[in-house]
Amino acid sequence: MRSPARKSLDVLLVGGGILIADQVTKALVRTHLPPGDSFPAEWPVRLTHVTNTGAAFGLFTNQSVILTFVAFFAIGLIIYYYRKLSEGAWVLRAALGLQLGGAVGNLIDRIWQGYVTDFIDLRFWPVFNVADSAITVGAVLLAVSLLWPDLIKGRGPVEHAPTTAGDRRGEA
């Protein structure tokens, strides 16, 4: 049986790892790539330094104050939901750790800079960062685990074999 401290450690390790990866990559981009520049310039996937005053994918531009409050609310909601999780909900803990690390990473940018640094440029999608990716993957994991809990638990779809009168295993 896992202790509550061990359960917390899982979420903190995932969230902390995302937070560190997010902040280090953003610092490298801010240090080595001027805003608006891309590297390598002509590749299909590149680094492009963008400052984003809105939400993920450039939505709600110039709404940093409101988005800061939304981030604090989301972080509180993640912590509240995490505390309600059962012992074996490792996928949910991973999902919440991803979302927590991403939310804190973007919140740090908003508080200290007034905008979020984005840099992953697929050229067919709005520019994003590690935190945005973690939040998105965490949301997908959360949705899958809530919509298809048997799939996440490794049991696959439940199959019921037909029973016959001579088959005692099917009787209650």
C-alpha atoms as a PDB file:
ATOM      1  CA  MET A   1       0.000   0.000   0.000  1.00  0.00           C
ATOM      2  CA  ARG A   2       1.271   3.442  -0.930  1.00  0.00           C
ATOM      3  CA  SER A   3       1.480   6.167   1.663  1.00  0.00           C
ATOM      4  CA  PRO A   4      -0.129   9.567   0.971  1.00  0.00           C
ATOM      5  CA  ALA A   5       3.377  11.058   0.879  1.00  0.00           C
ATOM      6  CA  ARG A   6       4.416   8.582  -1.838  1.00  0.00           C
ATOM      7  CA  LYS A   7       1.269   9.349  -3.830  1.00  0.00           C
ATOM      8  CA  SER A   8       2.078  13.078  -3.579  1.00  0.00           C
ATOM      9  CA  LEU A   9       5.647  12.402  -4.651  1.00  0.00           C
ATOM     10  CA  ASP A  10       4.423  10.922  -7.951  1.00  0.00           C
ATOM     11  CA  VAL A  11       2.474  14.066  -8.847  1.00  0.00           C
ATOM     12  CA  LEU A  12       5.274  16.347  -7.672  1.00  0.00           C
ATOM     13  CA  LEU A  13       7.916  14.456  -9.656  1.00  0.00           C
ATOM     14  CA  VAL A  14       5.900  14.590 -12.875  1.00  0.00           C
ATOM     15  CA  GLY A  15       4.861  18.200 -12.309  1.00  0.00           C
ATOM     16  CA  GLY A  16       8.342  19.253 -11.210  1.00  0.00           C
ATOM     17  CA  GLY A  17       9.959  17.558 -14.201  1.00  0.00           C
ATOM     18  CA  ILE A  18       7.619  19.361 -16.581  1.00  0.00           C
ATOM     19  CA  LEU A  19       8.167  22.668 -14.787  1.00  0.00           C
ATOM     20  CA  ILE A  20      11.965  22.348 -15.001  1.00  0.00           C
ATOM     21  CA  ALA A  21      11.915  21.265 -18.668  1.00  0.00           C
ATOM     22  CA  ASP A  22       9.544  24.118 -19.507  1.00  0.00           C
ATOM     23  CA  GLN A  23      11.488  26.849 -17.732  1.00  0.00           C
ATOM     24  CA  VAL A  24      14.904  25.664 -18.996  1.00  0.00           C
ATOM     25  CA  THR A  25      13.772  25.470 -22.622  1.00  0.00           C
ATOM     26  CA  LYS A  26      12.093  28.890 -22.441  1.00  0.00           C
ATOM     27  CA  ALA A  27      15.219  30.432 -20.883  1.00  0.00           C
ATOM     28  CA  LEU A  28      17.380  28.959 -23.660  1.00  0.00           C
ATOM     29  CA  VAL A  29      15.056  30.363 -26.319  1.00  0.00           C
ATOM     30  CA  ARG A  30      14.948  33.812 -24.680  1.00  0.00           C
ATOM     31  CA  THR A  31      18.756  33.830 -24.375  1.00  0.00           C
ATOM     32  CA  HIS A  32      19.719  32.531 -27.808  1.00  0.00           C
ATOM     33  CA  LEU A  33      16.883  33.413 -30.199  1.00  0.00           C
ATOM     34  CA  PRO A  34      15.586  36.979 -30.671  1.00  0.00           C
ATOM     35  CA  PRO A  35      11.776  37.362 -30.660  1.00  0.00           C
ATOM     36  CA  GLY A  36      10.339  36.672 -34.104  1.00  0.00           C
ATOM     37  CA  ASP A  37      13.380  34.725 -35.317  1.00  0.00           C
ATOM     38  CA  SER A  38      13.283  31.044 -36.279  1.00  0.00           C
ATOM     39  CA  PHE A  39      15.928  28.337 -36.273  1.00  0.00           C
ATOM     40  CA  PRO A  40      16.523  26.593 -38.631  1.00  0.00           C
ATOM     41  CA  ALA A  41      14.669  29.079 -40.795  1.00  0.00           C
ATOM     42  CA  GLU A  42      13.458  26.776 -43.577  1.00  0.00           C
ATOM     43  CA  TRP A  43      12.832  23.487 -41.763  1.00  0.00           C
ATOM     44  CA  PRO A  44       9.299  22.092 -41.426  1.00  0.00           C
ATOM     45  CA  VAL A  45       9.695  21.898 -37.627  1.00  0.00           C
ATOM     46  CA  ARG A  46      11.663  24.707 -36.091  1.00  0.00           C
ATOM     47  CA  LEU A  47      12.159  26.900 -33.056  1.00  0.00           C
ATOM     48  CA  THR A  48      10.442  30.273 -33.360  1.00  0.00           C
ATOM     49  CA  HIS A  49      10.610  32.738 -30.471  1.00  0.00           C
ATOM     50  CA  VAL A  50       7.112  34.113 -29.868  1.00  0.00           C
ATOM     51  CA  THR A  51       5.735  36.104 -26.949  1.00  0.00           C
ATOM     52  CA  ASN A  52       2.138  35.162 -26.177  1.00  0.00           C
ATOM     53  CA  THR A  53      -0.068  37.434 -24.049  1.00  0.00           C
ATOM     54  CA  GLY A  54      -3.022  35.092 -24.532  1.00  0.00           C
ATOM     55  CA  ALA A  55      -3.841  31.491 -23.749  1.00  0.00           C
ATOM     56  CA  ALA A  56      -2.578  28.378 -25.507  1.00  0.00           C
ATOM     57  CA  PHE A  57      -2.403  28.628 -29.288  1.00  0.00           C
ATOM     58  CA  GLY A  58      -2.764  32.422 -29.196  1.00  0.00           C
ATOM     59  CA  LEU A  59      -6.364  32.488 -27.958  1.00  0.00           C
ATOM     60  CA  PHE A  60      -7.538  35.447 -25.804  1.00  0.00           C
ATOM     61  CA  THR A  61      -4.673  37.783 -26.728  1.00  0.00           C
ATOM     62  CA  ASN A  62      -3.796  40.552 -24.225  1.00  0.00           C
ATOM     63  CA  GLN A  63      -5.728  38.914 -21.381  1.00  0.00           C
ATOM     64  CA  SER A  64      -2.765  38.135 -19.072  1.00  0.00           C
ATOM     65  CA  VAL A  65      -4.454  39.389 -15.886  1.00  0.00           C
ATOM     66  CA  ILE A  66      -7.570  37.279 -16.402  1.00  0.00           C
ATOM     67  CA  LEU A  67      -5.491  34.285 -17.515  1.00  0.00           C
ATOM     68  CA  THR A  68      -3.339  34.614 -14.380  1.00  0.00           C
ATOM     69  CA  PHE A  69      -6.442  34.272 -12.204  1.00  0.00           C
ATOM     70  CA  VAL A  70      -7.659  31.376 -14.350  1.00  0.00           C
ATOM     71  CA  ALA A  71      -4.277  29.658 -13.875  1.00  0.00           C
ATOM     72  CA  PHE A  72      -4.461  30.030 -10.082  1.00  0.00           C
ATOM     73  CA  PHE A  73      -7.998  28.604 -10.148  1.00  0.00           C
ATOM     74  CA  ALA A  74      -6.917  25.694 -12.379  1.00  0.00           C
ATOM     75  CA  ILE A  75      -3.967  24.893 -10.115  1.00  0.00           C
ATOM     76  CA  GLY A  76      -6.298  24.884  -7.102  1.00  0.00           C
ATOM     77  CA  LEU A  77      -8.732  22.628  -8.935  1.00  0.00           C
ATOM     78  CA  ILE A  78      -5.929  20.209  -9.888  1.00  0.00           C
ATOM     79  CA  ILE A  79      -4.758  20.023  -6.266  1.00  0.00           C
ATOM     80  CA  TYR A  80      -8.330  19.534  -5.016  1.00  0.00           C
ATOM     81  CA  TYR A  81      -9.060  16.796  -7.553  1.00  0.00           C
ATOM     82  CA  TYR A  82      -5.741  15.093  -6.867  1.00  0.00           C
ATOM     83  CA  ARG A  83      -6.573  14.820  -3.163  1.00  0.00           C
ATOM     84  CA  LYS A  84      -9.748  12.885  -4.071  1.00  0.00           C
ATOM     85  CA  LEU A  85      -7.927  10.247  -6.143  1.00  0.00           C
ATOM     86  CA  SER A  86      -7.878   6.615  -5.157  1.00  0.00           C
ATOM     87  CA  GLU A  87      -4.679   4.704  -4.490  1.00  0.00           C
ATOM     88  CA  GLY A  88      -4.456   2.941  -7.855  1.00  0.00           C
ATOM     89  CA  ALA A  89      -5.219   5.920 -10.083  1.00  0.00           C
ATOM     90  CA  TRP A  90      -1.674   6.266 -11.448  1.00  0.00           C
ATOM     91  CA  VAL A  91      -2.797   7.487 -14.882  1.00  0.00           C
ATOM     92  CA  LEU A  92      -4.887  10.207 -13.277  1.00  0.00           C
ATOM     93  CA  ARG A  93      -1.962  11.196 -11.052  1.00  0.00           C
ATOM     94  CA  ALA A  94       0.289  11.406 -14.126  1.00  0.00           C
ATOM     95  CA  ALA A  95      -2.340  13.476 -15.970  1.00  0.00           C
ATOM     96  CA  LEU A  96      -2.684  15.869 -13.052  1.00  0.00           C
ATOM     97  CA  GLY A  97       1.106  16.107 -12.661  1.00  0.00           C
ATOM     98  CA  LEU A  98       1.433  17.040 -16.342  1.00  0.00           C
ATOM     99  CA  GLN A  99      -1.291  19.653 -16.038  1.00  0.00           C
ATOM    100  CA  LEU A 100       0.073  21.037 -12.773  1.00  0.00           C
ATOM    101  CA  GLY A 101       3.624  21.388 -14.112  1.00  0.00           C
ATOM    102  CA  GLY A 102       2.377  23.028 -17.305  1.00  0.00           C
ATOM    103  CA  ALA A 103       0.034  25.423 -15.522  1.00  0.00           C
ATOM    104  CA  VAL A 104       2.734  26.515 -13.064  1.00  0.00           C
ATOM    105  CA  GLY A 105       5.287  26.902 -15.881  1.00  0.00           C
ATOM    106  CA  ASN A 106       3.072  29.241 -17.876  1.00  0.00           C
ATOM    107  CA  LEU A 107       1.962  31.054 -14.712  1.00  0.00           C
ATOM    108  CA  ILE A 108       5.581  31.837 -13.833  1.00  0.00           C
ATOM    109  CA  ASP A 109       6.037  33.435 -17.271  1.00  0.00           C
ATOM    110  CA  ARG A 110       2.851  35.468 -16.914  1.00  0.00           C
ATOM    111  CA  ILE A 111       3.772  36.774 -13.467  1.00  0.00           C
ATOM    112  CA  TRP A 112       7.426  37.634 -14.202  1.00  0.00           C
ATOM    113  CA  GLN A 113       7.189  38.734 -17.827  1.00  0.00           C
ATOM    114  CA  GLY A 114       3.547  39.552 -18.525  1.00  0.00           C
ATOM    115  CA  TYR A 115       3.509  37.000 -21.354  1.00  0.00           C
ATOM    116  CA  VAL A 116       4.348  33.363 -22.069  1.00  0.00           C
ATOM    117  CA  THR A 117       7.337  32.367 -24.206  1.00  0.00           C
ATOM    118  CA  ASP A 118       6.366  29.964 -27.000  1.00  0.00           C
ATOM    119  CA  PHE A 119       8.860  28.366 -29.376  1.00  0.00           C
ATOM    120  CA  ILE A 120       7.831  24.979 -30.831  1.00  0.00           C
ATOM    121  CA  ASP A 121       6.806  25.778 -34.392  1.00  0.00           C
ATOM    122  CA  LEU A 122       5.272  23.033 -36.531  1.00  0.00           C
ATOM    123  CA  ARG A 123       4.398  25.658 -39.176  1.00  0.00           C
ATOM    124  CA  PHE A 124       0.861  24.299 -39.599  1.00  0.00           C
ATOM    125  CA  TRP A 125      -0.150  24.878 -35.964  1.00  0.00           C
ATOM    126  CA  PRO A 126       0.161  27.866 -33.615  1.00  0.00           C
ATOM    127  CA  VAL A 127       3.547  28.073 -31.851  1.00  0.00           C
ATOM    128  CA  PHE A 128       3.521  26.459 -28.371  1.00  0.00           C
ATOM    129  CA  ASN A 129       5.849  25.367 -25.548  1.00  0.00           C
ATOM    130  CA  VAL A 130       6.573  22.421 -23.230  1.00  0.00           C
ATOM    131  CA  ALA A 131       3.959  23.582 -20.706  1.00  0.00           C
ATOM    132  CA  ASP A 132       1.246  23.761 -23.376  1.00  0.00           C
ATOM    133  CA  SER A 133       2.167  20.247 -24.534  1.00  0.00           C
ATOM    134  CA  ALA A 134       2.034  18.875 -20.987  1.00  0.00           C
ATOM    135  CA  ILE A 135      -1.347  20.481 -20.310  1.00  0.00           C
ATOM    136  CA  THR A 136      -2.740  19.045 -23.556  1.00  0.00           C
ATOM    137  CA  VAL A 137      -1.363  15.520 -22.991  1.00  0.00           C
ATOM    138  CA  GLY A 138      -2.574  15.639 -19.375  1.00  0.00           C
ATOM    139  CA  ALA A 139      -6.066  16.675 -20.510  1.00  0.00           C
ATOM    140  CA  VAL A 140      -6.184  13.838 -23.059  1.00  0.00           C
ATOM    141  CA  LEU A 141      -5.039  11.300 -20.428  1.00  0.00           C
ATOM    142  CA  LEU A 142      -7.625  12.645 -17.999  1.00  0.00           C
ATOM    143  CA  ALA A 143     -10.410  12.390 -20.585  1.00  0.00           C
ATOM    144  CA  VAL A 144      -9.411   8.874 -21.662  1.00  0.00           C
ATOM    145  CA  SER A 145      -9.144   7.653 -18.076  1.00  0.00           C
ATOM    146  CA  LEU A 146     -12.569   9.057 -17.203  1.00  0.00           C
ATOM    147  CA  LEU A 147     -14.323   7.933 -20.396  1.00  0.00           C
ATOM    148  CA  TRP A 148     -12.704   4.476 -20.664  1.00  0.00           C
ATOM    149  CA  PRO A 149     -11.496   3.459 -17.181  1.00  0.00           C
ATOM    150  CA  ASP A 150     -11.101  -0.234 -18.113  1.00  0.00           C
ATOM    151  CA  LEU A 151      -8.767   0.666 -20.973  1.00  0.00           C
ATOM    152  CA  ILE A 152      -6.467   2.633 -18.651  1.00  0.00           C
ATOM    153  CA  LYS A 153      -6.461  -0.119 -16.024  1.00  0.00           C
ATOM    154  CA  GLY A 154      -5.148  -2.552 -18.662  1.00  0.00           C
ATOM    155  CA  ARG A 155      -8.186  -4.771 -18.690  1.00  0.00           C
ATOM    156  CA  GLY A 156      -9.366  -3.859 -22.159  1.00  0.00           C
ATOM    157  CA  PRO A 157     -13.012  -4.086 -23.121  1.00  0.00           C
ATOM    158  CA  VAL A 158     -15.058  -6.399 -20.950  1.00  0.00           C
ATOM    159  CA  GLU A 159     -16.326  -9.434 -22.838  1.00  0.00           C
ATOM    160  CA  HIS A 160     -19.165 -11.559 -21.560  1.00  0.00           C
ATOM    161  CA  ALA A 161     -19.223 -15.167 -22.752  1.00  0.00           C
ATOM    162  CA  PRO A 162     -22.658 -16.607 -23.384  1.00  0.00           C
ATOM    163  CA  THR A 163     -23.723 -19.114 -20.765  1.00  0.00           C
ATOM    164  CA  THR A 164     -25.671 -22.314 -21.328  1.00  0.00           C
ATOM    165  CA  ALA A 165     -27.831 -24.334 -18.973  1.00  0.00           C
ATOM    166  CA  GLY A 166     -24.978 -26.793 -18.490  1.00  0.00           C
ATOM    167  CA  ASP A 167     -22.420 -24.096 -17.690  1.00  0.00           C
ATOM    168  CA  ARG A 168     -22.472 -23.564 -13.921  1.00  0.00           C
ATOM    169  CA  ARG A 169     -19.785 -20.823 -14.012  1.00  0.00           C
ATOM    170  CA  GLY A 170     -22.309 -18.310 -15.401  1.00  0.00           C
ATOM    171  CA  GLU A 171     -24.816 -18.784 -12.553  1.00  0.00           C
ATOM    172  CA  ALA A 172     -24.945 -16.519  -9.547  1.00  0.00           C
END
